[in-house]
Amino acid sequence: MNPHEPFDNTNPHEQIEDFAALEHEICNALRPVDPPAGFADRVIARARAEAAPQPKRARILMFPTMRSRVWIGSAVAAMLLVGVAGEQAHERMEQRRKAEEAQKQFEMALQVTDRALEHARQQLQHAGISLGE
């Protein structure tokens, strides 16, 4: 077959016969088959032999098992650890913010003081008073 030819050049009647044969083979392969003798009885017996799962009782107001106590304790400890670490981080951030605010206020106070002193020097010089520079 040439890969450049897009269609099969066989006779359409042969294709129909091939499809009919294929369909006949598929039907034979998929035909219903009767189960062996006693199959249904064996399945029912096995289903009865297996214990049906008992419904779990609600565990309302019951004491937790040892395993769940460990998980509960671990969860409480983890929450406390996260809470303490978070509070410490918050306190450090608050202290840092307060320190930055104090630094800004100090710098502003220095600028105001420098301006006031410079103004006072200029007034003294204008009045003819020398500061010994």
C-alpha atoms as a PDB file:
ATOM      1  CA  MET A   1       0.000   0.000   0.000  1.00  0.00           C
ATOM      2  CA  ASN A   2       1.295   3.413  -0.954  1.00  0.00           C
ATOM      3  CA  PRO A   3       1.354   5.797   2.035  1.00  0.00           C
ATOM      4  CA  HIS A   4       0.462   8.703  -0.253  1.00  0.00           C
ATOM      5  CA  GLU A   5      -2.878   7.119  -1.239  1.00  0.00           C
ATOM      6  CA  PRO A   6      -5.548   8.210   1.251  1.00  0.00           C
ATOM      7  CA  PHE A   7      -8.149   5.508   0.414  1.00  0.00           C
ATOM      8  CA  ASP A   8      -8.178   1.732   0.175  1.00  0.00           C
ATOM      9  CA  ASN A   9      -8.671   0.652  -3.452  1.00  0.00           C
ATOM     10  CA  THR A  10     -10.325  -2.707  -2.642  1.00  0.00           C
ATOM     11  CA  ASN A  11     -13.703  -3.633  -4.007  1.00  0.00           C
ATOM     12  CA  PRO A  12     -16.599  -2.251  -1.852  1.00  0.00           C
ATOM     13  CA  HIS A  13     -18.380  -5.630  -2.040  1.00  0.00           C
ATOM     14  CA  GLU A  14     -15.298  -7.302  -0.554  1.00  0.00           C
ATOM     15  CA  GLN A  15     -15.238  -4.731   2.247  1.00  0.00           C
ATOM     16  CA  ILE A  16     -18.895  -5.437   3.069  1.00  0.00           C
ATOM     17  CA  GLU A  17     -18.193  -9.178   3.142  1.00  0.00           C
ATOM     18  CA  ASP A  18     -15.166  -8.579   5.430  1.00  0.00           C
ATOM     19  CA  PHE A  19     -17.290  -6.485   7.776  1.00  0.00           C
ATOM     20  CA  ALA A  20     -20.026  -9.127   7.793  1.00  0.00           C
ATOM     21  CA  ALA A  21     -17.470 -11.816   8.651  1.00  0.00           C
ATOM     22  CA  LEU A  22     -16.011  -9.641  11.404  1.00  0.00           C
ATOM     23  CA  GLU A  23     -19.464  -8.985  12.813  1.00  0.00           C
ATOM     24  CA  HIS A  24     -20.225 -12.739  12.789  1.00  0.00           C
ATOM     25  CA  GLU A  25     -16.957 -13.447  14.694  1.00  0.00           C
ATOM     26  CA  ILE A  26     -17.738 -10.735  17.259  1.00  0.00           C
ATOM     27  CA  CYS A  27     -21.258 -12.076  17.790  1.00  0.00           C
ATOM     28  CA  ASN A  28     -19.927 -15.613  18.312  1.00  0.00           C
ATOM     29  CA  ALA A  29     -17.271 -14.378  20.757  1.00  0.00           C
ATOM     30  CA  LEU A  30     -19.803 -12.360  22.760  1.00  0.00           C
ATOM     31  CA  ARG A  31     -22.692 -14.845  22.788  1.00  0.00           C
ATOM     32  CA  PRO A  32     -24.247 -15.547  26.185  1.00  0.00           C
ATOM     33  CA  VAL A  33     -22.859 -18.571  27.990  1.00  0.00           C
ATOM     34  CA  ASP A  34     -24.711 -20.431  30.706  1.00  0.00           C
ATOM     35  CA  PRO A  35     -22.841 -20.617  34.020  1.00  0.00           C
ATOM     36  CA  PRO A  36     -21.695 -23.996  35.284  1.00  0.00           C
ATOM     37  CA  ALA A  37     -24.089 -26.032  37.389  1.00  0.00           C
ATOM     38  CA  GLY A  38     -24.387 -24.832  40.990  1.00  0.00           C
ATOM     39  CA  PHE A  39     -22.752 -21.460  40.291  1.00  0.00           C
ATOM     40  CA  ALA A  40     -25.624 -19.418  41.714  1.00  0.00           C
ATOM     41  CA  ASP A  41     -25.766 -21.592  44.858  1.00  0.00           C
ATOM     42  CA  ARG A  42     -22.007 -21.168  45.453  1.00  0.00           C
ATOM     43  CA  VAL A  43     -22.233 -17.376  45.074  1.00  0.00           C
ATOM     44  CA  ILE A  44     -25.162 -17.158  47.497  1.00  0.00           C
ATOM     45  CA  ALA A  45     -23.416 -19.441  50.008  1.00  0.00           C
ATOM     46  CA  ARG A  46     -20.244 -17.351  49.884  1.00  0.00           C
ATOM     47  CA  ALA A  47     -22.206 -14.118  50.327  1.00  0.00           C
ATOM     48  CA  ARG A  48     -23.946 -15.556  53.396  1.00  0.00           C
ATOM     49  CA  ALA A  49     -20.673 -16.883  54.826  1.00  0.00           C
ATOM     50  CA  GLU A  50     -19.082 -13.461  54.783  1.00  0.00           C
ATOM     51  CA  ALA A  51     -20.241 -11.540  57.815  1.00  0.00           C
ATOM     52  CA  ALA A  52     -22.189  -8.446  57.019  1.00  0.00           C
ATOM     53  CA  PRO A  53     -20.405  -5.400  58.401  1.00  0.00           C
ATOM     54  CA  GLN A  54     -21.940  -4.296  61.664  1.00  0.00           C
ATOM     55  CA  PRO A  55     -22.936  -0.651  61.676  1.00  0.00           C
ATOM     56  CA  LYS A  56     -20.649   1.404  63.873  1.00  0.00           C
ATOM     57  CA  ARG A  57     -22.208   2.859  66.944  1.00  0.00           C
ATOM     58  CA  ALA A  58     -22.174   6.580  67.254  1.00  0.00           C
ATOM     59  CA  ARG A  59     -19.327   7.654  69.522  1.00  0.00           C
ATOM     60  CA  ILE A  60     -21.174  10.536  71.086  1.00  0.00           C
ATOM     61  CA  LEU A  61     -19.998  11.282  74.624  1.00  0.00           C
ATOM     62  CA  MET A  62     -17.612   8.340  74.655  1.00  0.00           C
ATOM     63  CA  PHE A  63     -14.077   8.450  75.921  1.00  0.00           C
ATOM     64  CA  PRO A  64     -11.533   8.846  73.134  1.00  0.00           C
ATOM     65  CA  THR A  65      -9.234   5.951  72.387  1.00  0.00           C
ATOM     66  CA  MET A  66      -5.550   6.101  73.279  1.00  0.00           C
ATOM     67  CA  ARG A  67      -4.556   6.797  69.675  1.00  0.00           C
ATOM     68  CA  SER A  68      -6.980   9.711  69.373  1.00  0.00           C
ATOM     69  CA  ARG A  69      -5.763  11.086  72.725  1.00  0.00           C
ATOM     70  CA  VAL A  70      -2.236  11.200  71.344  1.00  0.00           C
ATOM     71  CA  TRP A  71      -3.448  13.033  68.240  1.00  0.00           C
ATOM     72  CA  ILE A  72      -5.513  15.436  70.307  1.00  0.00           C
ATOM     73  CA  GLY A  73      -2.563  16.147  72.589  1.00  0.00           C
ATOM     74  CA  SER A  74      -0.261  16.649  69.634  1.00  0.00           C
ATOM     75  CA  ALA A  75      -2.748  18.976  67.957  1.00  0.00           C
ATOM     76  CA  VAL A  76      -3.159  21.053  71.116  1.00  0.00           C
ATOM     77  CA  ALA A  77       0.622  21.272  71.565  1.00  0.00           C
ATOM     78  CA  ALA A  78       1.064  22.335  67.932  1.00  0.00           C
ATOM     79  CA  MET A  79      -1.619  25.010  68.250  1.00  0.00           C
ATOM     80  CA  LEU A  80      -0.018  26.352  71.424  1.00  0.00           C
ATOM     81  CA  LEU A  81       3.400  26.410  69.771  1.00  0.00           C
ATOM     82  CA  VAL A  82       2.053  28.257  66.747  1.00  0.00           C
ATOM     83  CA  GLY A  83       0.201  30.695  68.983  1.00  0.00           C
ATOM     84  CA  VAL A  84       3.242  31.465  71.148  1.00  0.00           C
ATOM     85  CA  ALA A  85       5.536  31.816  68.138  1.00  0.00           C
ATOM     86  CA  GLY A  86       3.001  34.055  66.407  1.00  0.00           C
ATOM     87  CA  GLU A  87       2.632  36.261  69.473  1.00  0.00           C
ATOM     88  CA  GLN A  88       6.407  36.602  69.807  1.00  0.00           C
ATOM     89  CA  ALA A  89       6.725  37.516  66.151  1.00  0.00           C
ATOM     90  CA  HIS A  90       3.938  40.077  66.564  1.00  0.00           C
ATOM     91  CA  GLU A  91       5.660  41.580  69.603  1.00  0.00           C
ATOM     92  CA  ARG A  92       8.986  41.854  67.720  1.00  0.00           C
ATOM     93  CA  MET A  93       7.259  43.551  64.815  1.00  0.00           C
ATOM     94  CA  GLU A  94       5.505  45.956  67.177  1.00  0.00           C
ATOM     95  CA  GLN A  95       8.789  46.780  68.942  1.00  0.00           C
ATOM     96  CA  ARG A  96      10.493  47.344  65.591  1.00  0.00           C
ATOM     97  CA  ARG A  97       7.654  49.612  64.477  1.00  0.00           C
ATOM     98  CA  LYS A  98       7.859  51.604  67.720  1.00  0.00           C
ATOM     99  CA  ALA A  99      11.665  51.923  67.390  1.00  0.00           C
ATOM    100  CA  GLU A 100      11.318  53.166  63.799  1.00  0.00           C
ATOM    101  CA  GLU A 101       8.665  55.662  64.879  1.00  0.00           C
ATOM    102  CA  ALA A 102      10.903  56.899  67.728  1.00  0.00           C
ATOM    103  CA  GLN A 103      13.840  57.247  65.287  1.00  0.00           C
ATOM    104  CA  LYS A 104      11.680  59.313  62.918  1.00  0.00           C
ATOM    105  CA  GLN A 105      10.515  61.538  65.780  1.00  0.00           C
ATOM    106  CA  PHE A 106      14.116  61.987  66.959  1.00  0.00           C
ATOM    107  CA  GLU A 107      15.286  62.943  63.466  1.00  0.00           C
ATOM    108  CA  MET A 108      12.393  65.374  63.129  1.00  0.00           C
ATOM    109  CA  ALA A 109      13.246  66.909  66.527  1.00  0.00           C
ATOM    110  CA  LEU A 110      16.891  67.318  65.419  1.00  0.00           C
ATOM    111  CA  GLN A 111      15.791  69.087  62.240  1.00  0.00           C
ATOM    112  CA  VAL A 112      13.485  71.430  64.170  1.00  0.00           C
ATOM    113  CA  THR A 113      16.246  72.162  66.710  1.00  0.00           C
ATOM    114  CA  ASP A 114      18.795  72.830  63.951  1.00  0.00           C
ATOM    115  CA  ARG A 115      16.409  75.255  62.250  1.00  0.00           C
ATOM    116  CA  ALA A 116      15.625  77.021  65.528  1.00  0.00           C
ATOM    117  CA  LEU A 117      19.323  77.351  66.411  1.00  0.00           C
ATOM    118  CA  GLU A 118      20.178  78.599  62.932  1.00  0.00           C
ATOM    119  CA  HIS A 119      17.378  81.154  63.139  1.00  0.00           C
ATOM    120  CA  ALA A 120      18.622  82.279  66.570  1.00  0.00           C
ATOM    121  CA  ARG A 121      22.212  82.645  65.226  1.00  0.00           C
ATOM    122  CA  GLN A 122      20.988  84.719  62.318  1.00  0.00           C
ATOM    123  CA  GLN A 123      19.032  87.016  64.640  1.00  0.00           C
ATOM    124  CA  LEU A 124      22.011  87.385  66.967  1.00  0.00           C
ATOM    125  CA  GLN A 125      24.322  88.178  64.038  1.00  0.00           C
ATOM    126  CA  HIS A 126      21.806  90.649  62.717  1.00  0.00           C
ATOM    127  CA  ALA A 127      21.787  92.293  66.165  1.00  0.00           C
ATOM    128  CA  GLY A 128      25.586  92.421  66.056  1.00  0.00           C
ATOM    129  CA  ILE A 129      26.259  89.771  68.636  1.00  0.00           C
ATOM    130  CA  SER A 130      29.051  87.345  67.784  1.00  0.00           C
ATOM    131  CA  LEU A 131      28.988  83.815  69.178  1.00  0.00           C
ATOM    132  CA  GLY A 132      32.741  83.253  69.077  1.00  0.00           C
ATOM    133  CA  GLU A 133      32.985  81.339  65.884  1.00  0.00           C
END
